[in-house]
């Protein structure tokens, strides 16, 4: 069902999985809850979120996960590319004006 992740995309899939897991926790969801809302198994979600493996998954699964996390697919990708844009991340006090 899934193919092996190419070398050039390996880190991207790992980073995306970490962001998915982080957002799930920020939203207060268990893996079981997110998996049910995204119509995938909990074990498959666990593989996607695992920080030590890269696992290909379809755009359909990606879109379903984004919907279940209540985030646009674009924002989900941006969060994985730019950690400072992680939805729900607090700005540092250095950036605040007093």
PDB file of N, CA and C in Angstrom:
ATOM      1  N   UNK A   1       0.823  -1.191   0.000  1.00  0.00           N
ATOM      2  CA  UNK A   1       0.000   0.000   0.000  1.00  0.00           C
ATOM      3  C   UNK A   1       0.867   1.254   0.000  1.00  0.00           C
ATOM      4  N   UNK A   2       1.915   1.282   0.804  1.00  0.00           N
ATOM      5  CA  UNK A   2       2.780   2.456   0.808  1.00  0.00           C
ATOM      6  C   UNK A   2       4.114   2.092   0.180  1.00  0.00           C
ATOM      7  N   UNK A   3       4.747   3.088  -0.384  1.00  0.00           N
ATOM      8  CA  UNK A   3       6.057   2.844  -0.969  1.00  0.00           C
ATOM      9  C   UNK A   3       7.120   3.396  -0.034  1.00  0.00           C
ATOM     10  N   UNK A   4       8.351   3.020  -0.296  1.00  0.00           N
ATOM     11  CA  UNK A   4       9.454   3.487   0.535  1.00  0.00           C
ATOM     12  C   UNK A   4       9.689   4.976   0.307  1.00  0.00           C
ATOM     13  N   UNK A   5      10.021   5.683   1.367  1.00  0.00           N
ATOM     14  CA  UNK A   5      10.267   7.116   1.292  1.00  0.00           C
ATOM     15  C   UNK A   5      11.641   7.349   0.666  1.00  0.00           C
ATOM     16  N   UNK A   6      11.704   8.238  -0.308  1.00  0.00           N
ATOM     17  CA  UNK A   6      12.983   8.543  -0.941  1.00  0.00           C
ATOM     18  C   UNK A   6      13.868   9.322   0.030  1.00  0.00           C
ATOM     19  N   UNK A   7      15.146   9.267  -0.209  1.00  0.00           N
ATOM     20  CA  UNK A   7      16.120   9.938   0.653  1.00  0.00           C
ATOM     21  C   UNK A   7      15.822  11.433   0.766  1.00  0.00           C
ATOM     22  N   UNK A   8      15.488  12.076  -0.349  1.00  0.00           N
ATOM     23  CA  UNK A   8      15.268  13.526  -0.335  1.00  0.00           C
ATOM     24  C   UNK A   8      14.019  13.927   0.455  1.00  0.00           C
ATOM     25  N   UNK A   9      13.067  13.023   0.628  1.00  0.00           N
ATOM     26  CA  UNK A   9      11.835  13.336   1.361  1.00  0.00           C
ATOM     27  C   UNK A   9      11.788  12.753   2.769  1.00  0.00           C
ATOM     28  N   UNK A  10      12.798  11.998   3.135  1.00  0.00           N
ATOM     29  CA  UNK A  10      12.805  11.312   4.423  1.00  0.00           C
ATOM     30  C   UNK A  10      12.571  12.277   5.585  1.00  0.00           C
ATOM     31  N   UNK A  11      13.376  13.333   5.663  1.00  0.00           N
ATOM     32  CA  UNK A  11      13.246  14.296   6.762  1.00  0.00           C
ATOM     33  C   UNK A  11      11.913  15.024   6.726  1.00  0.00           C
ATOM     34  N   UNK A  12      11.373  15.242   5.543  1.00  0.00           N
ATOM     35  CA  UNK A  12      10.084  15.931   5.428  1.00  0.00           C
ATOM     36  C   UNK A  12       8.965  15.110   6.066  1.00  0.00           C
ATOM     37  N   UNK A  13       8.958  13.798   5.808  1.00  0.00           N
ATOM     38  CA  UNK A  13       7.921  12.957   6.401  1.00  0.00           C
ATOM     39  C   UNK A  13       8.091  12.862   7.917  1.00  0.00           C
ATOM     40  N   UNK A  14       9.321  12.788   8.385  1.00  0.00           N
ATOM     41  CA  UNK A  14       9.547  12.758   9.829  1.00  0.00           C
ATOM     42  C   UNK A  14       9.068  14.060  10.459  1.00  0.00           C
ATOM     43  N   UNK A  15       9.432  15.173   9.861  1.00  0.00           N
ATOM     44  CA  UNK A  15       9.040  16.486  10.388  1.00  0.00           C
ATOM     45  C   UNK A  15       7.516  16.638  10.397  1.00  0.00           C
ATOM     46  N   UNK A  16       6.863  16.213   9.326  1.00  0.00           N
ATOM     47  CA  UNK A  16       5.405  16.296   9.251  1.00  0.00           C
ATOM     48  C   UNK A  16       4.757  15.432  10.333  1.00  0.00           C
ATOM     49  N   UNK A  17       5.287  14.246  10.544  1.00  0.00           N
ATOM     50  CA  UNK A  17       4.751  13.369  11.592  1.00  0.00           C
ATOM     51  C   UNK A  17       4.892  13.976  12.975  1.00  0.00           C
ATOM     52  N   UNK A  18       6.026  14.618  13.226  1.00  0.00           N
ATOM     53  CA  UNK A  18       6.242  15.272  14.523  1.00  0.00           C
ATOM     54  C   UNK A  18       5.254  16.416  14.715  1.00  0.00           C
ATOM     55  N   UNK A  19       5.019  17.186  13.663  1.00  0.00           N
ATOM     56  CA  UNK A  19       4.059  18.298  13.747  1.00  0.00           C
ATOM     57  C   UNK A  19       2.650  17.766  13.991  1.00  0.00           C
ATOM     58  N   UNK A  20       2.284  16.709  13.312  1.00  0.00           N
ATOM     59  CA  UNK A  20       0.955  16.114  13.517  1.00  0.00           C
ATOM     60  C   UNK A  20       0.803  15.690  14.979  1.00  0.00           C
ATOM     61  N   UNK A  21       1.794  15.013  15.522  1.00  0.00           N
ATOM     62  CA  UNK A  21       1.735  14.588  16.919  1.00  0.00           C
ATOM     63  C   UNK A  21       1.678  15.758  17.884  1.00  0.00           C
ATOM     64  N   UNK A  22       2.447  16.798  17.590  1.00  0.00           N
ATOM     65  CA  UNK A  22       2.461  17.984  18.452  1.00  0.00           C
ATOM     66  C   UNK A  22       1.111  18.686  18.432  1.00  0.00           C
ATOM     67  N   UNK A  23       0.554  18.886  17.237  1.00  0.00           N
ATOM     68  CA  UNK A  23      -0.764  19.531  17.139  1.00  0.00           C
ATOM     69  C   UNK A  23      -1.851  18.691  17.799  1.00  0.00           C
ATOM     70  N   UNK A  24      -1.757  17.388  17.659  1.00  0.00           N
ATOM     71  CA  UNK A  24      -2.735  16.501  18.301  1.00  0.00           C
ATOM     72  C   UNK A  24      -2.707  16.725  19.807  1.00  0.00           C
ATOM     73  N   UNK A  25      -1.505  16.807  20.373  1.00  0.00           N
ATOM     74  CA  UNK A  25      -1.381  17.018  21.816  1.00  0.00           C
ATOM     75  C   UNK A  25      -1.862  18.401  22.221  1.00  0.00           C
ATOM     76  N   UNK A  26      -1.540  19.424  21.418  1.00  0.00           N
ATOM     77  CA  UNK A  26      -2.022  20.782  21.694  1.00  0.00           C
ATOM     78  C   UNK A  26      -3.545  20.803  21.710  1.00  0.00           C
ATOM     79  N   UNK A  27      -4.163  20.043  20.812  1.00  0.00           N
ATOM     80  CA  UNK A  27      -5.626  19.981  20.726  1.00  0.00           C
ATOM     81  C   UNK A  27      -6.230  19.101  21.819  1.00  0.00           C
ATOM     82  N   UNK A  28      -5.390  18.438  22.612  1.00  0.00           N
ATOM     83  CA  UNK A  28      -5.880  17.588  23.689  1.00  0.00           C
ATOM     84  C   UNK A  28      -6.490  16.290  23.202  1.00  0.00           C
ATOM     85  N   UNK A  29      -6.009  15.801  22.072  1.00  0.00           N
ATOM     86  CA  UNK A  29      -6.550  14.579  21.481  1.00  0.00           C
ATOM     87  C   UNK A  29      -5.611  13.404  21.727  1.00  0.00           C
ATOM     88  N   UNK A  30      -6.198  12.242  21.916  1.00  0.00           N
ATOM     89  CA  UNK A  30      -5.402  11.018  21.968  1.00  0.00           C
ATOM     90  C   UNK A  30      -5.181  10.534  20.536  1.00  0.00           C
ATOM     91  N   UNK A  31      -4.264   9.602  20.376  1.00  0.00           N
ATOM     92  CA  UNK A  31      -4.076   9.013  19.041  1.00  0.00           C
ATOM     93  C   UNK A  31      -5.360   8.323  18.586  1.00  0.00           C
ATOM     94  N   UNK A  32      -6.037   7.695  19.510  1.00  0.00           N
ATOM     95  CA  UNK A  32      -7.282   7.008  19.162  1.00  0.00           C
ATOM     96  C   UNK A  32      -8.325   7.993  18.632  1.00  0.00           C
ATOM     97  N   UNK A  33      -8.441   9.161  19.282  1.00  0.00           N
ATOM     98  CA  UNK A  33      -9.423  10.159  18.847  1.00  0.00           C
ATOM     99  C   UNK A  33      -9.084  10.712  17.459  1.00  0.00           C
ATOM    100  N   UNK A  34      -7.825  11.095  17.263  1.00  0.00           N
ATOM    101  CA  UNK A  34      -7.435  11.642  15.967  1.00  0.00           C
ATOM    102  C   UNK A  34      -7.580  10.595  14.871  1.00  0.00           C
ATOM    103  N   UNK A  35      -7.155   9.388  15.142  1.00  0.00           N
ATOM    104  CA  UNK A  35      -7.264   8.324  14.146  1.00  0.00           C
ATOM    105  C   UNK A  35      -8.722   8.083  13.761  1.00  0.00           C
ATOM    106  N   UNK A  36      -9.608   8.070  14.742  1.00  0.00           N
ATOM    107  CA  UNK A  36     -11.030   7.851  14.448  1.00  0.00           C
ATOM    108  C   UNK A  36     -11.590   8.982  13.588  1.00  0.00           C
ATOM    109  N   UNK A  37     -11.230  10.233  13.916  1.00  0.00           N
ATOM    110  CA  UNK A  37     -11.733  11.366  13.143  1.00  0.00           C
ATOM    111  C   UNK A  37     -11.138  11.421  11.738  1.00  0.00           C
ATOM    112  N   UNK A  38      -9.918  10.878  11.578  1.00  0.00           N
ATOM    113  CA  UNK A  38      -9.264  10.879  10.267  1.00  0.00           C
ATOM    114  C   UNK A  38      -9.536   9.591   9.484  1.00  0.00           C
ATOM    115  N   UNK A  39     -10.320   8.691  10.074  1.00  0.00           N
ATOM    116  CA  UNK A  39     -10.677   7.426   9.426  1.00  0.00           C
ATOM    117  C   UNK A  39      -9.463   6.566   9.082  1.00  0.00           C
ATOM    118  N   UNK A  40      -8.504   6.516  10.018  1.00  0.00           N
ATOM    119  CA  UNK A  40      -7.350   5.632   9.885  1.00  0.00           C
ATOM    120  C   UNK A  40      -7.201   4.872  11.198  1.00  0.00           C
ATOM    121  N   UNK A  41      -6.363   3.847  11.193  1.00  0.00           N
ATOM    122  CA  UNK A  41      -6.163   3.084  12.432  1.00  0.00           C
ATOM    123  C   UNK A  41      -5.220   3.829  13.362  1.00  0.00           C
ATOM    124  N   UNK A  42      -5.339   3.555  14.650  1.00  0.00           N
ATOM    125  CA  UNK A  42      -4.457   4.161  15.632  1.00  0.00           C
ATOM    126  C   UNK A  42      -3.017   3.743  15.384  1.00  0.00           C
ATOM    127  N   UNK A  43      -2.811   2.508  14.984  1.00  0.00           N
ATOM    128  CA  UNK A  43      -1.450   2.044  14.736  1.00  0.00           C
ATOM    129  C   UNK A  43      -0.824   2.755  13.539  1.00  0.00           C
ATOM    130  N   UNK A  44      -1.623   3.040  12.507  1.00  0.00           N
ATOM    131  CA  UNK A  44      -1.108   3.776  11.352  1.00  0.00           C
ATOM    132  C   UNK A  44      -0.741   5.204  11.753  1.00  0.00           C
ATOM    133  N   UNK A  45      -1.568   5.846  12.560  1.00  0.00           N
ATOM    134  CA  UNK A  45      -1.244   7.179  13.056  1.00  0.00           C
ATOM    135  C   UNK A  45       0.035   7.136  13.882  1.00  0.00           C
ATOM    136  N   UNK A  46       0.202   6.111  14.683  1.00  0.00           N
ATOM    137  CA  UNK A  46       1.419   5.965  15.469  1.00  0.00           C
ATOM    138  C   UNK A  46       2.656   5.873  14.593  1.00  0.00           C
ATOM    139  N   UNK A  47       2.540   5.180  13.481  1.00  0.00           N
ATOM    140  CA  UNK A  47       3.660   5.082  12.534  1.00  0.00           C
ATOM    141  C   UNK A  47       3.944   6.445  11.913  1.00  0.00           C
ATOM    142  N   UNK A  48       2.897   7.179  11.541  1.00  0.00           N
ATOM    143  CA  UNK A  48       3.071   8.510  10.947  1.00  0.00           C
ATOM    144  C   UNK A  48       3.758   9.448  11.940  1.00  0.00           C
ATOM    145  N   UNK A  49       3.363   9.403  13.193  1.00  0.00           N
ATOM    146  CA  UNK A  49       3.894  10.306  14.217  1.00  0.00           C
ATOM    147  C   UNK A  49       5.265   9.893  14.744  1.00  0.00           C
ATOM    148  N   UNK A  50       5.671   8.661  14.526  1.00  0.00           N
ATOM    149  CA  UNK A  50       6.932   8.164  15.090  1.00  0.00           C
ATOM    150  C   UNK A  50       8.110   9.012  14.613  1.00  0.00           C
ATOM    151  N   UNK A  51       8.891   9.557  15.544  1.00  0.00           N
ATOM    152  CA  UNK A  51       9.982  10.457  15.162  1.00  0.00           C
ATOM    153  C   UNK A  51      11.198   9.758  14.567  1.00  0.00           C
ATOM    154  N   UNK A  52      11.250   8.437  14.647  1.00  0.00           N
ATOM    155  CA  UNK A  52      12.420   7.730  14.146  1.00  0.00           C
ATOM    156  C   UNK A  52      12.173   6.973  12.839  1.00  0.00           C
ATOM    157  N   UNK A  53      10.985   7.164  12.258  1.00  0.00           N
ATOM    158  CA  UNK A  53      10.695   6.518  10.986  1.00  0.00           C
ATOM    159  C   UNK A  53       9.984   7.492  10.052  1.00  0.00           C
ATOM    160  N   UNK A  54      10.192   7.287   8.774  1.00  0.00           N
ATOM    161  CA  UNK A  54       9.477   8.073   7.771  1.00  0.00           C
ATOM    162  C   UNK A  54       8.574   7.106   7.026  1.00  0.00           C
ATOM    163  N   UNK A  55       7.325   7.423   6.973  1.00  0.00           N
ATOM    164  CA  UNK A  55       6.348   6.532   6.342  1.00  0.00           C
ATOM    165  C   UNK A  55       5.499   7.335   5.363  1.00  0.00           C
ATOM    166  N   UNK A  56       5.476   6.907   4.104  1.00  0.00           N
ATOM    167  CA  UNK A  56       4.633   7.572   3.107  1.00  0.00           C
ATOM    168  C   UNK A  56       3.166   7.371   3.456  1.00  0.00           C
ATOM    169  N   UNK A  57       2.382   8.395   3.188  1.00  0.00           N
ATOM    170  CA  UNK A  57       0.941   8.251   3.289  1.00  0.00           C
ATOM    171  C   UNK A  57       0.309   9.136   2.230  1.00  0.00           C
ATOM    172  N   UNK A  58      -0.906   8.808   1.886  1.00  0.00           N
ATOM    173  CA  UNK A  58      -1.578   9.467   0.761  1.00  0.00           C
ATOM    174  C   UNK A  58      -2.007  10.887   1.095  1.00  0.00           C
ATOM    175  N   UNK A  59      -2.266  11.647   0.051  1.00  0.00           N
ATOM    176  CA  UNK A  59      -2.830  12.987   0.233  1.00  0.00           C
ATOM    177  C   UNK A  59      -4.197  12.914   0.900  1.00  0.00           C
ATOM    178  N   UNK A  60      -4.951  11.879   0.592  1.00  0.00           N
ATOM    179  CA  UNK A  60      -6.265  11.730   1.219  1.00  0.00           C
ATOM    180  C   UNK A  60      -6.122  11.606   2.737  1.00  0.00           C
ATOM    181  N   UNK A  61      -5.168  10.803   3.186  1.00  0.00           N
ATOM    182  CA  UNK A  61      -4.915  10.667   4.622  1.00  0.00           C
ATOM    183  C   UNK A  61      -4.430  12.001   5.185  1.00  0.00           C
ATOM    184  N   UNK A  62      -3.537  12.669   4.470  1.00  0.00           N
ATOM    185  CA  UNK A  62      -3.029  13.978   4.900  1.00  0.00           C
ATOM    186  C   UNK A  62      -4.180  14.970   5.074  1.00  0.00           C
ATOM    187  N   UNK A  63      -5.081  15.049   4.079  1.00  0.00           N
ATOM    188  CA  UNK A  63      -6.223  15.966   4.160  1.00  0.00           C
ATOM    189  C   UNK A  63      -7.151  15.598   5.311  1.00  0.00           C
ATOM    190  N   UNK A  64      -7.384  14.298   5.507  1.00  0.00           N
ATOM    191  CA  UNK A  64      -8.256  13.857   6.600  1.00  0.00           C
ATOM    192  C   UNK A  64      -7.658  14.191   7.966  1.00  0.00           C
ATOM    193  N   UNK A  65      -6.344  14.048   8.102  1.00  0.00           N
ATOM    194  CA  UNK A  65      -5.679  14.406   9.357  1.00  0.00           C
ATOM    195  C   UNK A  65      -5.780  15.913   9.586  1.00  0.00           C
ATOM    196  N   UNK A  66      -5.524  16.700   8.546  1.00  0.00           N
ATOM    197  CA  UNK A  66      -5.621  18.159   8.676  1.00  0.00           C
ATOM    198  C   UNK A  66      -7.032  18.558   9.110  1.00  0.00           C
ATOM    199  N   UNK A  67      -8.049  17.979   8.475  1.00  0.00           N
ATOM    200  CA  UNK A  67      -9.432  18.283   8.849  1.00  0.00           C
ATOM    201  C   UNK A  67      -9.707  17.907  10.305  1.00  0.00           C
ATOM    202  N   UNK A  68      -9.231  16.746  10.710  1.00  0.00           N
ATOM    203  CA  UNK A  68      -9.466  16.291  12.086  1.00  0.00           C
ATOM    204  C   UNK A  68      -8.748  17.184  13.100  1.00  0.00           C
ATOM    205  N   UNK A  69      -7.629  17.770  12.699  1.00  0.00           N
ATOM    206  CA  UNK A  69      -6.896  18.694  13.578  1.00  0.00           C
ATOM    207  C   UNK A  69      -7.419  20.121  13.471  1.00  0.00           C
ATOM    208  N   UNK A  70      -8.403  20.334  12.610  1.00  0.00           N
ATOM    209  CA  UNK A  70      -9.000  21.653  12.399  1.00  0.00           C
ATOM    210  C   UNK A  70      -7.939  22.677  11.976  1.00  0.00           C
ATOM    211  N   UNK A  71      -7.168  22.285  10.964  1.00  0.00           N
ATOM    212  CA  UNK A  71      -6.124  23.144  10.405  1.00  0.00           C
ATOM    213  C   UNK A  71      -6.136  22.942   8.894  1.00  0.00           C
ATOM    214  N   UNK A  72      -5.826  23.978   8.154  1.00  0.00           N
ATOM    215  CA  UNK A  72      -5.794  23.817   6.706  1.00  0.00           C
ATOM    216  C   UNK A  72      -4.560  22.998   6.326  1.00  0.00           C
ATOM    217  N   UNK A  73      -4.650  22.260   5.242  1.00  0.00           N
ATOM    218  CA  UNK A  73      -3.476  21.503   4.785  1.00  0.00           C
ATOM    219  C   UNK A  73      -2.258  22.401   4.568  1.00  0.00           C
ATOM    220  N   UNK A  74      -2.483  23.598   4.065  1.00  0.00           N
ATOM    221  CA  UNK A  74      -1.381  24.538   3.836  1.00  0.00           C
ATOM    222  C   UNK A  74      -0.706  24.901   5.147  1.00  0.00           C
ATOM    223  N   UNK A  75      -1.503  25.204   6.170  1.00  0.00           N
ATOM    224  CA  UNK A  75      -0.937  25.556   7.477  1.00  0.00           C
ATOM    225  C   UNK A  75      -0.186  24.372   8.089  1.00  0.00           C
ATOM    226  N   UNK A  76      -0.700  23.172   7.868  1.00  0.00           N
ATOM    227  CA  UNK A  76      -0.032  21.987   8.395  1.00  0.00           C
ATOM    228  C   UNK A  76       1.335  21.810   7.746  1.00  0.00           C
ATOM    229  N   UNK A  77       1.409  22.021   6.444  1.00  0.00           N
ATOM    230  CA  UNK A  77       2.706  21.940   5.762  1.00  0.00           C
ATOM    231  C   UNK A  77       3.633  23.064   6.193  1.00  0.00           C
ATOM    232  N   UNK A  78       3.112  24.276   6.313  1.00  0.00           N
ATOM    233  CA  UNK A  78       3.942  25.391   6.747  1.00  0.00           C
ATOM    234  C   UNK A  78       4.485  25.158   8.152  1.00  0.00           C
ATOM    235  N   UNK A  79       3.678  24.591   9.014  1.00  0.00           N
ATOM    236  CA  UNK A  79       4.125  24.317  10.379  1.00  0.00           C
ATOM    237  C   UNK A  79       5.269  23.314  10.363  1.00  0.00           C
ATOM    238  N   UNK A  80       5.234  22.371   9.413  1.00  0.00           N
ATOM    239  CA  UNK A  80       6.307  21.387   9.367  1.00  0.00           C
ATOM    240  C   UNK A  80       7.571  21.958   8.747  1.00  0.00           C
ATOM    241  N   UNK A  81       7.433  22.995   7.932  1.00  0.00           N
ATOM    242  CA  UNK A  81       8.604  23.605   7.307  1.00  0.00           C
ATOM    243  C   UNK A  81       9.185  24.723   8.151  1.00  0.00           C
ATOM    244  N   UNK A  82       8.314  25.412   8.897  1.00  0.00           N
ATOM    245  CA  UNK A  82       8.728  26.554   9.683  1.00  0.00           C
ATOM    246  C   UNK A  82       8.226  26.389  11.109  1.00  0.00           C
ATOM    247  N   UNK A  83       9.028  25.778  11.983  1.00  0.00           N
ATOM    248  CA  UNK A  83       8.564  25.498  13.347  1.00  0.00           C
ATOM    249  C   UNK A  83       8.070  26.714  14.102  1.00  0.00           C
ATOM    250  N   UNK A  84       8.559  27.919  13.782  1.00  0.00           N
ATOM    251  CA  UNK A  84       8.101  29.106  14.485  1.00  0.00           C
ATOM    252  C   UNK A  84       6.664  29.473  14.128  1.00  0.00           C
ATOM    253  N   UNK A  85       6.109  28.839  13.092  1.00  0.00           N
ATOM    254  CA  UNK A  85       4.729  29.098  12.685  1.00  0.00           C
ATOM    255  C   UNK A  85       3.765  28.056  13.232  1.00  0.00           C
ATOM    256  N   UNK A  86       4.210  27.218  14.145  1.00  0.00           N
ATOM    257  CA  UNK A  86       3.368  26.169  14.694  1.00  0.00           C
ATOM    258  C   UNK A  86       2.126  26.790  15.325  1.00  0.00           C
ATOM    259  N   UNK A  87       0.942  26.453  14.835  1.00  0.00           N
ATOM    260  CA  UNK A  87      -0.282  27.028  15.397  1.00  0.00           C
ATOM    261  C   UNK A  87      -0.377  26.754  16.891  1.00  0.00           C
ATOM    262  N   UNK A  88      -0.647  27.799  17.635  1.00  0.00           N
ATOM    263  CA  UNK A  88      -0.770  27.675  19.071  1.00  0.00           C
ATOM    264  C   UNK A  88       0.524  27.932  19.805  1.00  0.00           C
ATOM    265  N   UNK A  89       1.622  28.129  19.077  1.00  0.00           N
ATOM    266  CA  UNK A  89       2.905  28.408  19.726  1.00  0.00           C
ATOM    267  C   UNK A  89       2.918  29.852  20.197  1.00  0.00           C
ATOM    268  N   UNK A  90       3.316  30.060  21.445  1.00  0.00           N
ATOM    269  CA  UNK A  90       3.367  31.408  22.008  1.00  0.00           C
ATOM    270  C   UNK A  90       4.573  32.161  21.477  1.00  0.00           C
ATOM    271  N   UNK A  91       4.396  33.457  21.260  1.00  0.00           N
ATOM    272  CA  UNK A  91       5.512  34.292  20.849  1.00  0.00           C
ATOM    273  C   UNK A  91       6.385  34.560  22.062  1.00  0.00           C
ATOM    274  N   UNK A  92       7.675  34.664  21.816  1.00  0.00           N
ATOM    275  CA  UNK A  92       8.587  34.940  22.920  1.00  0.00           C
ATOM    276  C   UNK A  92       8.401  36.375  23.411  1.00  0.00           C
ATOM    277  N   UNK A  93       8.789  36.624  24.634  1.00  0.00           N
ATOM    278  CA  UNK A  93       8.654  37.958  25.211  1.00  0.00           C
ATOM    279  C   UNK A  93       9.527  38.958  24.501  1.00  0.00           C
ATOM    280  N   UNK A  94      10.598  38.474  23.853  1.00  0.00           N
ATOM    281  CA  UNK A  94      11.476  39.377  23.116  1.00  0.00           C
ATOM    282  C   UNK A  94      10.744  40.031  21.947  1.00  0.00           C
ATOM    283  N   UNK A  95       9.756  39.367  21.420  1.00  0.00           N
ATOM    284  CA  UNK A  95       9.018  39.875  20.273  1.00  0.00           C
ATOM    285  C   UNK A  95       7.839  40.767  20.666  1.00  0.00           C
ATOM    286  N   UNK A  96       7.503  40.782  21.957  1.00  0.00           N
ATOM    287  CA  UNK A  96       6.362  41.566  22.407  1.00  0.00           C
ATOM    288  C   UNK A  96       6.790  43.001  22.704  1.00  0.00           C
ATOM    289  N   UNK A  97       5.931  43.941  22.389  1.00  0.00           N
ATOM    290  CA  UNK A  97       6.199  45.344  22.704  1.00  0.00           C
ATOM    291  C   UNK A  97       5.572  45.659  24.048  1.00  0.00           C
ATOM    292  N   UNK A  98       6.290  46.416  24.856  1.00  0.00           N
ATOM    293  CA  UNK A  98       5.755  46.764  26.171  1.00  0.00           C
ATOM    294  C   UNK A  98       5.313  48.206  26.223  1.00  0.00           C
TER     295      UNK A  98
END
